[in-house]
Amino acid sequence: MPKPGQAGGRPRDSRVDHAIAEAVRALLAEHGYAALTVDAVAARAGIGKAAIYRRFATKQEMIFAVILHGMSEKPPADTGTLRGDITALAAWFGDRIAHADAGVMAGLVADIHADPALQTRFTDTYLTLERSILAALIDRAMARGELPTRPDPALVHGLLLGPLFTWQIMLGESAARTPQLAHTVAHMVTDALSMGVIPPATP
């Protein structure tokens, strides 16, 4: 089964990608997360379901890719400092979360955690990608001599994303302030990294 964002052996058509994204956004706005189906997206986009399943194995992966990110994301450009790199990454996370509907995100997270197979797929794809981006930033900082030890990217990931999801999804606070929170969190995480208080990955 192809991973999210991967074509099943044929060139990707960006027009189809755009049609899927527009259909998902429109249907979420009109009917909400629970009512959205692959059939409805295919009908709204004017494509066959096979075109969707060549890109995404499940409804949840399709929604995640549209409202947050797909599998083609790269590390932010090298700013020359750890603080600059972490701030840029936090801004990227914060901007996407700020533009995501809290109800949609809550439903998506609930579905993922209710299905062990789906949770494994998300861990092996999207979470692995995000942590690999963080690892690239950490490796840059190690090369510059900015870090005393190499921290666990999974812990750094949790420190960056946890407050943003809690603020907007668990607490229901203003999405307009999520980017501001992301900036604050970036500075806190950078200070923790610089002091070496985030432990390394366990064997």
N, C-alpha and C. Protein backbone atom coordinates (compact mmCIF):
# COMPACT_ATOMS: atom_id res chain seq x y z
N MET A 1 0.84 -1.19 0.00
CA MET A 1 0.00 0.00 0.00
C MET A 1 0.88 1.24 0.00
N PRO A 2 0.63 2.19 -0.90
CA PRO A 2 1.47 3.37 -0.94
C PRO A 2 1.32 4.20 0.31
N LYS A 3 2.39 4.85 0.71
CA LYS A 3 2.33 5.75 1.85
C LYS A 3 1.65 7.05 1.45
N PRO A 4 1.16 7.83 2.45
CA PRO A 4 0.54 9.10 2.12
C PRO A 4 1.46 9.96 1.29
N GLY A 5 0.88 10.61 0.27
CA GLY A 5 1.67 11.50 -0.56
C GLY A 5 2.45 10.79 -1.63
N GLN A 6 2.33 9.46 -1.72
CA GLN A 6 3.05 8.71 -2.74
C GLN A 6 2.08 8.23 -3.79
N ALA A 7 2.44 8.34 -5.02
CA ALA A 7 1.61 7.81 -6.09
C ALA A 7 1.82 6.33 -6.22
N GLY A 8 0.80 5.62 -6.75
CA GLY A 8 0.89 4.19 -6.91
C GLY A 8 1.43 3.82 -8.27
N GLY A 9 2.59 4.30 -8.63
CA GLY A 9 3.24 3.87 -9.85
C GLY A 9 3.00 4.74 -11.05
N ARG A 10 2.28 5.83 -10.92
CA ARG A 10 2.06 6.72 -12.06
C ARG A 10 2.33 8.16 -11.62
N PRO A 11 2.67 9.05 -12.55
CA PRO A 11 2.98 10.43 -12.18
C PRO A 11 1.79 11.09 -11.49
N ARG A 12 2.06 11.90 -10.48
CA ARG A 12 1.02 12.62 -9.77
C ARG A 12 0.51 13.76 -10.63
N ASP A 13 -0.80 13.97 -10.63
CA ASP A 13 -1.43 15.07 -11.34
C ASP A 13 -1.77 16.14 -10.30
N SER A 14 -1.12 17.29 -10.38
CA SER A 14 -1.33 18.34 -9.39
C SER A 14 -2.77 18.86 -9.43
N ARG A 15 -3.41 18.76 -10.59
CA ARG A 15 -4.81 19.21 -10.68
C ARG A 15 -5.71 18.34 -9.82
N VAL A 16 -5.42 17.05 -9.79
CA VAL A 16 -6.20 16.13 -8.95
C VAL A 16 -5.92 16.42 -7.48
N ASP A 17 -4.65 16.64 -7.14
CA ASP A 17 -4.30 16.98 -5.76
C ASP A 17 -5.07 18.22 -5.31
N HIS A 18 -5.11 19.23 -6.17
CA HIS A 18 -5.81 20.48 -5.84
C HIS A 18 -7.31 20.23 -5.69
N ALA A 19 -7.88 19.43 -6.58
CA ALA A 19 -9.32 19.16 -6.52
C ALA A 19 -9.67 18.42 -5.23
N ILE A 20 -8.83 17.48 -4.82
CA ILE A 20 -9.07 16.76 -3.57
C ILE A 20 -9.01 17.72 -2.39
N ALA A 21 -7.99 18.55 -2.35
CA ALA A 21 -7.82 19.49 -1.25
C ALA A 21 -9.01 20.45 -1.15
N GLU A 22 -9.44 20.99 -2.29
CA GLU A 22 -10.56 21.92 -2.29
C GLU A 22 -11.84 21.23 -1.84
N ALA A 23 -12.04 19.99 -2.28
CA ALA A 23 -13.24 19.25 -1.89
C ALA A 23 -13.24 18.95 -0.39
N VAL A 24 -12.10 18.55 0.15
CA VAL A 24 -12.00 18.25 1.58
C VAL A 24 -12.32 19.50 2.40
N ARG A 25 -11.71 20.63 2.04
CA ARG A 25 -11.94 21.86 2.79
C ARG A 25 -13.41 22.28 2.73
N ALA A 26 -14.00 22.19 1.56
CA ALA A 26 -15.39 22.60 1.40
C ALA A 26 -16.33 21.70 2.20
N LEU A 27 -16.12 20.41 2.13
CA LEU A 27 -17.00 19.46 2.83
C LEU A 27 -16.84 19.55 4.34
N LEU A 28 -15.62 19.79 4.81
CA LEU A 28 -15.43 19.97 6.25
C LEU A 28 -16.16 21.21 6.73
N ALA A 29 -16.10 22.28 5.93
CA ALA A 29 -16.78 23.52 6.32
C ALA A 29 -18.30 23.36 6.30
N GLU A 30 -18.79 22.56 5.36
CA GLU A 30 -20.24 22.41 5.22
C GLU A 30 -20.85 21.40 6.17
N HIS A 31 -20.14 20.28 6.39
CA HIS A 31 -20.75 19.16 7.11
C HIS A 31 -19.97 18.68 8.33
N GLY A 32 -18.73 19.14 8.50
CA GLY A 32 -17.95 18.71 9.65
C GLY A 32 -17.17 17.43 9.39
N TYR A 33 -16.36 17.08 10.38
CA TYR A 33 -15.45 15.95 10.23
C TYR A 33 -16.17 14.61 10.11
N ALA A 34 -17.10 14.34 11.03
CA ALA A 34 -17.72 13.02 11.10
C ALA A 34 -18.45 12.65 9.82
N ALA A 35 -19.05 13.64 9.16
CA ALA A 35 -19.85 13.35 7.97
C ALA A 35 -19.03 13.24 6.69
N LEU A 36 -17.76 13.62 6.74
CA LEU A 36 -16.95 13.58 5.53
C LEU A 36 -16.59 12.14 5.17
N THR A 37 -16.77 11.78 3.90
CA THR A 37 -16.43 10.44 3.41
C THR A 37 -15.58 10.56 2.15
N VAL A 38 -14.87 9.50 1.84
CA VAL A 38 -14.09 9.47 0.61
C VAL A 38 -15.02 9.57 -0.60
N ASP A 39 -16.18 8.91 -0.52
CA ASP A 39 -17.15 8.99 -1.62
C ASP A 39 -17.56 10.44 -1.88
N ALA A 40 -17.82 11.18 -0.80
CA ALA A 40 -18.25 12.56 -0.95
C ALA A 40 -17.15 13.43 -1.53
N VAL A 41 -15.92 13.19 -1.11
CA VAL A 41 -14.79 13.95 -1.64
C VAL A 41 -14.61 13.66 -3.13
N ALA A 42 -14.69 12.38 -3.49
CA ALA A 42 -14.55 12.02 -4.90
C ALA A 42 -15.62 12.68 -5.76
N ALA A 43 -16.85 12.67 -5.25
CA ALA A 43 -17.95 13.27 -6.01
C ALA A 43 -17.77 14.77 -6.15
N ARG A 44 -17.40 15.44 -5.05
CA ARG A 44 -17.22 16.90 -5.09
C ARG A 44 -16.04 17.28 -6.00
N ALA A 45 -14.98 16.46 -5.97
CA ALA A 45 -13.79 16.76 -6.77
C ALA A 45 -13.96 16.36 -8.23
N GLY A 46 -14.97 15.55 -8.52
CA GLY A 46 -15.19 15.09 -9.89
C GLY A 46 -14.15 14.08 -10.34
N ILE A 47 -13.73 13.21 -9.41
CA ILE A 47 -12.73 12.18 -9.72
C ILE A 47 -13.21 10.84 -9.19
N GLY A 48 -12.53 9.78 -9.57
CA GLY A 48 -12.85 8.46 -9.05
C GLY A 48 -12.18 8.25 -7.69
N LYS A 49 -12.77 7.36 -6.88
CA LYS A 49 -12.18 7.07 -5.57
C LYS A 49 -10.78 6.50 -5.70
N ALA A 50 -10.51 5.81 -6.80
CA ALA A 50 -9.18 5.22 -6.98
C ALA A 50 -8.09 6.28 -6.96
N ALA A 51 -8.39 7.46 -7.49
CA ALA A 51 -7.40 8.55 -7.49
C ALA A 51 -7.06 8.99 -6.08
N ILE A 52 -8.05 8.93 -5.20
CA ILE A 52 -7.81 9.29 -3.80
C ILE A 52 -7.00 8.20 -3.12
N TYR A 53 -7.39 6.94 -3.34
CA TYR A 53 -6.71 5.84 -2.66
C TYR A 53 -5.30 5.60 -3.18
N ARG A 54 -4.98 6.12 -4.37
CA ARG A 54 -3.59 6.08 -4.81
C ARG A 54 -2.73 7.02 -3.98
N ARG A 55 -3.36 8.00 -3.35
CA ARG A 55 -2.64 9.01 -2.57
C ARG A 55 -2.73 8.76 -1.08
N PHE A 56 -3.88 8.30 -0.62
CA PHE A 56 -4.12 8.15 0.81
C PHE A 56 -4.81 6.82 1.09
N ALA A 57 -4.36 6.14 2.12
CA ALA A 57 -4.95 4.85 2.46
C ALA A 57 -6.27 5.00 3.21
N THR A 58 -6.46 6.13 3.91
CA THR A 58 -7.65 6.31 4.72
C THR A 58 -8.15 7.75 4.63
N LYS A 59 -9.37 7.93 5.05
CA LYS A 59 -9.96 9.27 5.16
C LYS A 59 -9.12 10.16 6.07
N GLN A 60 -8.66 9.57 7.18
CA GLN A 60 -7.91 10.36 8.15
C GLN A 60 -6.60 10.89 7.57
N GLU A 61 -5.90 10.07 6.82
CA GLU A 61 -4.65 10.51 6.20
C GLU A 61 -4.91 11.62 5.17
N MET A 62 -6.00 11.49 4.45
CA MET A 62 -6.36 12.50 3.46
C MET A 62 -6.61 13.84 4.14
N ILE A 63 -7.39 13.83 5.22
CA ILE A 63 -7.71 15.07 5.93
C ILE A 63 -6.47 15.67 6.55
N PHE A 64 -5.64 14.84 7.17
CA PHE A 64 -4.42 15.34 7.80
C PHE A 64 -3.54 16.03 6.76
N ALA A 65 -3.37 15.40 5.61
CA ALA A 65 -2.51 15.96 4.57
C ALA A 65 -3.04 17.28 4.05
N VAL A 66 -4.36 17.41 3.97
CA VAL A 66 -4.96 18.64 3.44
C VAL A 66 -4.88 19.77 4.45
N ILE A 67 -5.21 19.50 5.72
CA ILE A 67 -5.31 20.61 6.67
C ILE A 67 -4.00 20.88 7.41
N LEU A 68 -3.07 19.91 7.43
CA LEU A 68 -1.79 20.15 8.11
C LEU A 68 -0.61 20.05 7.16
N HIS A 69 -0.26 18.86 6.74
CA HIS A 69 0.83 18.74 5.77
C HIS A 69 0.87 17.34 5.18
N GLY A 70 1.47 17.26 3.99
CA GLY A 70 1.66 15.98 3.34
C GLY A 70 3.02 15.40 3.67
N MET A 71 3.51 14.55 2.77
CA MET A 71 4.76 13.84 3.03
C MET A 71 5.95 14.46 2.31
N SER A 72 5.77 15.64 1.74
CA SER A 72 6.87 16.26 0.98
C SER A 72 7.51 17.43 1.72
N GLU A 73 7.17 17.60 3.01
CA GLU A 73 7.73 18.72 3.76
C GLU A 73 9.23 18.55 3.98
N LYS A 74 9.93 19.66 4.01
CA LYS A 74 11.38 19.67 4.21
C LYS A 74 11.71 20.52 5.44
N PRO A 75 12.92 20.35 6.00
CA PRO A 75 13.32 21.21 7.11
C PRO A 75 13.34 22.67 6.67
N PRO A 76 13.03 23.61 7.59
CA PRO A 76 13.14 25.03 7.24
C PRO A 76 14.55 25.37 6.81
N ALA A 77 14.69 26.41 6.02
CA ALA A 77 16.01 26.83 5.58
C ALA A 77 16.91 27.13 6.78
N ASP A 78 18.19 26.85 6.62
CA ASP A 78 19.15 27.06 7.69
C ASP A 78 19.27 28.55 7.99
N THR A 79 18.90 28.95 9.21
CA THR A 79 18.98 30.35 9.59
C THR A 79 20.35 30.72 10.14
N GLY A 80 21.16 29.71 10.42
CA GLY A 80 22.49 29.96 10.97
C GLY A 80 22.57 29.81 12.47
N THR A 81 21.41 29.69 13.15
CA THR A 81 21.41 29.49 14.60
C THR A 81 20.33 28.50 14.98
N LEU A 82 20.53 27.84 16.12
CA LEU A 82 19.52 26.93 16.64
C LEU A 82 18.22 27.67 16.93
N ARG A 83 18.33 28.85 17.57
CA ARG A 83 17.13 29.60 17.91
C ARG A 83 16.35 29.99 16.66
N GLY A 84 17.05 30.42 15.64
CA GLY A 84 16.38 30.77 14.41
C GLY A 84 15.69 29.59 13.76
N ASP A 85 16.38 28.44 13.75
CA ASP A 85 15.80 27.24 13.13
C ASP A 85 14.56 26.76 13.89
N ILE A 86 14.65 26.71 15.23
CA ILE A 86 13.52 26.25 16.03
C ILE A 86 12.35 27.23 15.93
N THR A 87 12.64 28.51 15.91
CA THR A 87 11.58 29.51 15.77
C THR A 87 10.87 29.37 14.43
N ALA A 88 11.63 29.13 13.36
CA ALA A 88 11.02 28.94 12.04
C ALA A 88 10.14 27.69 12.01
N LEU A 89 10.63 26.61 12.63
CA LEU A 89 9.84 25.37 12.64
C LEU A 89 8.59 25.53 13.48
N ALA A 90 8.70 26.17 14.64
CA ALA A 90 7.54 26.39 15.49
C ALA A 90 6.51 27.27 14.78
N ALA A 91 6.99 28.25 14.04
CA ALA A 91 6.08 29.12 13.28
C ALA A 91 5.33 28.31 12.23
N TRP A 92 6.03 27.38 11.60
CA TRP A 92 5.40 26.50 10.60
C TRP A 92 4.32 25.64 11.24
N PHE A 93 4.64 25.03 12.39
CA PHE A 93 3.64 24.25 13.11
C PHE A 93 2.46 25.14 13.53
N GLY A 94 2.78 26.28 14.13
CA GLY A 94 1.74 27.15 14.66
C GLY A 94 0.80 27.66 13.58
N ASP A 95 1.35 28.01 12.43
CA ASP A 95 0.51 28.52 11.34
C ASP A 95 -0.49 27.46 10.88
N ARG A 96 -0.04 26.22 10.74
CA ARG A 96 -0.94 25.17 10.27
C ARG A 96 -1.99 24.83 11.31
N ILE A 97 -1.60 24.77 12.56
CA ILE A 97 -2.58 24.47 13.61
C ILE A 97 -3.58 25.60 13.74
N ALA A 98 -3.12 26.83 13.61
CA ALA A 98 -4.01 27.99 13.72
C ALA A 98 -5.08 27.97 12.64
N HIS A 99 -4.75 27.43 11.48
CA HIS A 99 -5.71 27.40 10.37
C HIS A 99 -6.54 26.11 10.34
N ALA A 100 -6.33 25.23 11.31
CA ALA A 100 -7.09 23.98 11.38
C ALA A 100 -8.25 24.15 12.35
N ASP A 101 -9.42 23.68 11.97
CA ASP A 101 -10.58 23.73 12.84
C ASP A 101 -10.38 22.81 14.04
N ALA A 102 -10.62 23.32 15.24
CA ALA A 102 -10.37 22.53 16.46
C ALA A 102 -11.24 21.27 16.50
N GLY A 103 -12.49 21.37 16.05
CA GLY A 103 -13.37 20.21 16.04
C GLY A 103 -12.89 19.13 15.08
N VAL A 104 -12.41 19.55 13.93
CA VAL A 104 -11.86 18.60 12.96
C VAL A 104 -10.64 17.90 13.55
N MET A 105 -9.75 18.68 14.16
CA MET A 105 -8.55 18.09 14.73
C MET A 105 -8.88 17.14 15.87
N ALA A 106 -9.85 17.48 16.69
CA ALA A 106 -10.23 16.61 17.80
C ALA A 106 -10.78 15.29 17.27
N GLY A 107 -11.62 15.34 16.25
CA GLY A 107 -12.15 14.11 15.66
C GLY A 107 -11.08 13.27 15.01
N LEU A 108 -10.15 13.93 14.35
CA LEU A 108 -9.06 13.22 13.69
C LEU A 108 -8.18 12.51 14.70
N VAL A 109 -7.80 13.22 15.77
CA VAL A 109 -6.96 12.62 16.80
C VAL A 109 -7.68 11.45 17.48
N ALA A 110 -8.98 11.61 17.73
CA ALA A 110 -9.75 10.54 18.37
C ALA A 110 -9.77 9.29 17.49
N ASP A 111 -9.99 9.47 16.19
CA ASP A 111 -10.01 8.32 15.28
C ASP A 111 -8.66 7.62 15.24
N ILE A 112 -7.60 8.38 15.20
CA ILE A 112 -6.26 7.79 15.12
C ILE A 112 -5.97 6.95 16.36
N HIS A 113 -6.30 7.48 17.52
CA HIS A 113 -6.00 6.77 18.76
C HIS A 113 -6.96 5.60 19.02
N ALA A 114 -8.10 5.60 18.35
CA ALA A 114 -9.05 4.50 18.53
C ALA A 114 -8.71 3.29 17.68
N ASP A 115 -7.82 3.44 16.73
CA ASP A 115 -7.49 2.36 15.79
C ASP A 115 -5.98 2.12 15.83
N PRO A 116 -5.52 1.03 16.47
CA PRO A 116 -4.08 0.78 16.58
C PRO A 116 -3.37 0.72 15.23
N ALA A 117 -4.02 0.15 14.22
CA ALA A 117 -3.38 0.06 12.91
C ALA A 117 -3.20 1.44 12.30
N LEU A 118 -4.22 2.28 12.45
CA LEU A 118 -4.14 3.64 11.93
C LEU A 118 -3.10 4.45 12.70
N GLN A 119 -3.03 4.25 14.00
CA GLN A 119 -2.04 4.95 14.81
C GLN A 119 -0.63 4.56 14.39
N THR A 120 -0.43 3.28 14.10
CA THR A 120 0.89 2.82 13.65
C THR A 120 1.26 3.47 12.32
N ARG A 121 0.30 3.56 11.39
CA ARG A 121 0.58 4.19 10.11
C ARG A 121 0.96 5.66 10.28
N PHE A 122 0.25 6.37 11.15
CA PHE A 122 0.57 7.77 11.37
C PHE A 122 1.94 7.93 12.02
N THR A 123 2.25 7.04 12.95
CA THR A 123 3.57 7.09 13.57
C THR A 123 4.67 6.83 12.55
N ASP A 124 4.45 5.86 11.68
CA ASP A 124 5.47 5.46 10.71
C ASP A 124 5.60 6.44 9.54
N THR A 125 4.62 7.31 9.37
CA THR A 125 4.66 8.25 8.24
C THR A 125 4.78 9.69 8.73
N TYR A 126 3.68 10.28 9.11
CA TYR A 126 3.68 11.70 9.44
C TYR A 126 4.54 12.05 10.64
N LEU A 127 4.43 11.27 11.73
CA LEU A 127 5.23 11.59 12.91
C LEU A 127 6.72 11.35 12.65
N THR A 128 7.02 10.29 11.92
CA THR A 128 8.41 10.03 11.57
C THR A 128 8.99 11.16 10.72
N LEU A 129 8.18 11.67 9.79
CA LEU A 129 8.63 12.79 8.96
C LEU A 129 8.91 14.02 9.81
N GLU A 130 7.98 14.37 10.71
CA GLU A 130 8.17 15.56 11.54
C GLU A 130 9.41 15.42 12.41
N ARG A 131 9.62 14.22 12.96
CA ARG A 131 10.79 14.03 13.82
C ARG A 131 12.08 14.01 13.03
N SER A 132 12.02 13.58 11.77
CA SER A 132 13.22 13.63 10.94
C SER A 132 13.58 15.08 10.61
N ILE A 133 12.57 15.93 10.46
CA ILE A 133 12.83 17.36 10.25
C ILE A 133 13.50 17.96 11.48
N LEU A 134 12.99 17.61 12.65
CA LEU A 134 13.61 18.08 13.89
C LEU A 134 15.03 17.56 14.03
N ALA A 135 15.23 16.30 13.67
CA ALA A 135 16.58 15.72 13.76
C ALA A 135 17.56 16.48 12.88
N ALA A 136 17.09 16.92 11.71
CA ALA A 136 17.96 17.70 10.82
C ALA A 136 18.36 19.02 11.47
N LEU A 137 17.42 19.67 12.15
CA LEU A 137 17.73 20.92 12.85
C LEU A 137 18.70 20.68 14.00
N ILE A 138 18.50 19.58 14.71
CA ILE A 138 19.39 19.23 15.82
C ILE A 138 20.80 18.94 15.30
N ASP A 139 20.88 18.22 14.19
CA ASP A 139 22.19 17.92 13.61
C ASP A 139 22.92 19.19 13.19
N ARG A 140 22.19 20.17 12.64
CA ARG A 140 22.81 21.45 12.30
C ARG A 140 23.40 22.11 13.55
N ALA A 141 22.61 22.11 14.62
CA ALA A 141 23.06 22.75 15.86
C ALA A 141 24.27 22.03 16.45
N MET A 142 24.28 20.70 16.35
CA MET A 142 25.43 19.93 16.84
C MET A 142 26.67 20.29 16.04
N ALA A 143 26.51 20.42 14.72
CA ALA A 143 27.65 20.76 13.87
C ALA A 143 28.19 22.15 14.17
N ARG A 144 27.29 23.06 14.59
CA ARG A 144 27.74 24.41 14.95
C ARG A 144 28.34 24.48 16.34
N GLY A 145 28.18 23.41 17.11
CA GLY A 145 28.65 23.42 18.48
C GLY A 145 27.71 24.11 19.44
N GLU A 146 26.41 24.22 19.07
CA GLU A 146 25.45 24.92 19.92
C GLU A 146 24.82 24.04 20.98
N LEU A 147 24.95 22.73 20.87
CA LEU A 147 24.32 21.82 21.82
C LEU A 147 25.36 21.02 22.57
N PRO A 148 25.22 20.89 23.90
CA PRO A 148 26.17 20.10 24.67
C PRO A 148 25.98 18.60 24.47
N THR A 149 24.73 18.18 24.21
CA THR A 149 24.41 16.77 23.96
C THR A 149 23.33 16.71 22.89
N ARG A 150 23.18 15.53 22.27
CA ARG A 150 22.14 15.38 21.25
C ARG A 150 20.84 14.93 21.91
N PRO A 151 19.81 15.77 21.92
CA PRO A 151 18.55 15.42 22.58
C PRO A 151 17.71 14.47 21.73
N ASP A 152 16.74 13.85 22.37
CA ASP A 152 15.81 12.96 21.67
C ASP A 152 14.85 13.80 20.83
N PRO A 153 14.85 13.65 19.49
CA PRO A 153 13.93 14.43 18.66
C PRO A 153 12.47 14.24 19.04
N ALA A 154 12.11 13.05 19.53
CA ALA A 154 10.71 12.80 19.91
C ALA A 154 10.30 13.69 21.08
N LEU A 155 11.21 13.90 22.04
CA LEU A 155 10.91 14.77 23.17
C LEU A 155 10.80 16.23 22.72
N VAL A 156 11.70 16.64 21.84
CA VAL A 156 11.65 18.01 21.32
C VAL A 156 10.34 18.22 20.54
N HIS A 157 9.95 17.22 19.79
CA HIS A 157 8.70 17.26 19.03
C HIS A 157 7.52 17.49 19.97
N GLY A 158 7.48 16.73 21.06
CA GLY A 158 6.39 16.87 22.03
C GLY A 158 6.38 18.23 22.69
N LEU A 159 7.57 18.75 23.00
CA LEU A 159 7.64 20.06 23.64
C LEU A 159 7.17 21.17 22.72
N LEU A 160 7.42 21.04 21.43
CA LEU A 160 6.99 22.07 20.48
C LEU A 160 5.49 21.98 20.18
N LEU A 161 5.01 20.77 19.92
CA LEU A 161 3.62 20.62 19.49
C LEU A 161 2.63 20.59 20.64
N GLY A 162 3.05 20.02 21.79
CA GLY A 162 2.12 19.83 22.90
C GLY A 162 1.38 21.09 23.31
N PRO A 163 2.09 22.19 23.60
CA PRO A 163 1.38 23.41 24.01
C PRO A 163 0.44 23.96 22.94
N LEU A 164 0.81 23.81 21.66
CA LEU A 164 -0.02 24.35 20.59
C LEU A 164 -1.34 23.59 20.47
N PHE A 165 -1.26 22.24 20.53
CA PHE A 165 -2.47 21.44 20.47
C PHE A 165 -3.32 21.65 21.72
N THR A 166 -2.68 21.72 22.87
CA THR A 166 -3.43 21.92 24.11
C THR A 166 -4.16 23.25 24.09
N TRP A 167 -3.50 24.30 23.67
CA TRP A 167 -4.08 25.64 23.62
C TRP A 167 -5.32 25.68 22.76
N GLN A 168 -5.21 25.14 21.56
CA GLN A 168 -6.28 25.32 20.59
C GLN A 168 -7.34 24.22 20.64
N ILE A 169 -6.92 22.98 20.92
CA ILE A 169 -7.85 21.86 20.82
C ILE A 169 -8.42 21.47 22.18
N MET A 170 -7.56 21.35 23.19
CA MET A 170 -8.02 20.95 24.51
C MET A 170 -8.67 22.12 25.26
N LEU A 171 -8.05 23.30 25.19
CA LEU A 171 -8.55 24.45 25.95
C LEU A 171 -9.51 25.31 25.15
N GLY A 172 -9.52 25.14 23.82
CA GLY A 172 -10.44 25.91 22.99
C GLY A 172 -10.13 27.39 22.95
N GLU A 173 -8.86 27.73 23.10
CA GLU A 173 -8.48 29.14 23.09
C GLU A 173 -8.38 29.67 21.65
N SER A 174 -8.12 30.95 21.55
CA SER A 174 -8.16 31.63 20.25
C SER A 174 -7.06 31.14 19.31
N ALA A 175 -7.47 30.72 18.11
CA ALA A 175 -6.50 30.31 17.09
C ALA A 175 -5.65 31.49 16.64
N ALA A 176 -6.19 32.71 16.77
CA ALA A 176 -5.44 33.88 16.34
C ALA A 176 -4.18 34.08 17.18
N ARG A 177 -4.16 33.52 18.38
CA ARG A 177 -2.99 33.67 19.25
C ARG A 177 -2.05 32.47 19.18
N THR A 178 -2.40 31.46 18.41
CA THR A 178 -1.54 30.28 18.31
C THR A 178 -0.15 30.62 17.76
N PRO A 179 -0.02 31.44 16.71
CA PRO A 179 1.33 31.80 16.25
C PRO A 179 2.15 32.51 17.32
N GLN A 180 1.51 33.35 18.13
CA GLN A 180 2.21 34.03 19.22
C GLN A 180 2.72 33.01 20.24
N LEU A 181 1.87 32.04 20.57
CA LEU A 181 2.28 30.99 21.49
C LEU A 181 3.43 30.19 20.89
N ALA A 182 3.38 29.90 19.59
CA ALA A 182 4.45 29.15 18.94
C ALA A 182 5.78 29.86 19.09
N HIS A 183 5.78 31.18 18.98
CA HIS A 183 7.02 31.96 19.13
C HIS A 183 7.56 31.82 20.56
N THR A 184 6.67 31.90 21.54
CA THR A 184 7.09 31.75 22.94
C THR A 184 7.63 30.35 23.21
N VAL A 185 6.91 29.35 22.72
CA VAL A 185 7.34 27.96 22.92
C VAL A 185 8.71 27.72 22.28
N ALA A 186 8.93 28.29 21.11
CA ALA A 186 10.22 28.12 20.42
C ALA A 186 11.37 28.61 21.30
N HIS A 187 11.19 29.74 21.93
CA HIS A 187 12.25 30.29 22.77
C HIS A 187 12.47 29.43 24.02
N MET A 188 11.38 28.92 24.59
CA MET A 188 11.50 28.06 25.77
C MET A 188 12.24 26.77 25.41
N VAL A 189 11.86 26.17 24.29
CA VAL A 189 12.49 24.92 23.87
C VAL A 189 13.96 25.14 23.53
N THR A 190 14.27 26.26 22.85
CA THR A 190 15.66 26.56 22.52
C THR A 190 16.50 26.70 23.78
N ASP A 191 15.97 27.38 24.80
CA ASP A 191 16.70 27.53 26.05
C ASP A 191 16.95 26.17 26.71
N ALA A 192 15.93 25.31 26.69
CA ALA A 192 16.08 23.98 27.27
C ALA A 192 17.12 23.16 26.51
N LEU A 193 17.12 23.28 25.19
CA LEU A 193 18.12 22.57 24.38
C LEU A 193 19.53 23.08 24.68
N SER A 194 19.67 24.39 24.74
CA SER A 194 20.99 24.98 24.97
C SER A 194 21.55 24.61 26.33
N MET A 195 20.69 24.41 27.31
CA MET A 195 21.14 24.04 28.65
C MET A 195 21.36 22.53 28.79
N GLY A 196 20.99 21.76 27.77
CA GLY A 196 21.20 20.32 27.80
C GLY A 196 20.29 19.57 28.75
N VAL A 197 19.11 20.14 29.04
CA VAL A 197 18.21 19.49 29.99
C VAL A 197 17.26 18.48 29.34
N ILE A 198 17.23 18.43 28.01
CA ILE A 198 16.40 17.45 27.32
C ILE A 198 17.26 16.21 27.10
N PRO A 199 16.85 15.07 27.66
CA PRO A 199 17.70 13.88 27.58
C PRO A 199 17.80 13.29 26.19
N PRO A 200 18.82 12.49 25.95
CA PRO A 200 18.96 11.83 24.65
C PRO A 200 17.94 10.71 24.49
N ALA A 201 17.86 10.19 23.28
CA ALA A 201 16.96 9.06 23.04
C ALA A 201 17.44 7.84 23.80
N THR A 202 16.50 7.06 24.32
CA THR A 202 16.86 5.84 25.03
C THR A 202 17.16 4.74 24.01
N PRO A 203 18.09 3.85 24.32
CA PRO A 203 18.45 2.78 23.37
C PRO A 203 17.26 1.88 23.07
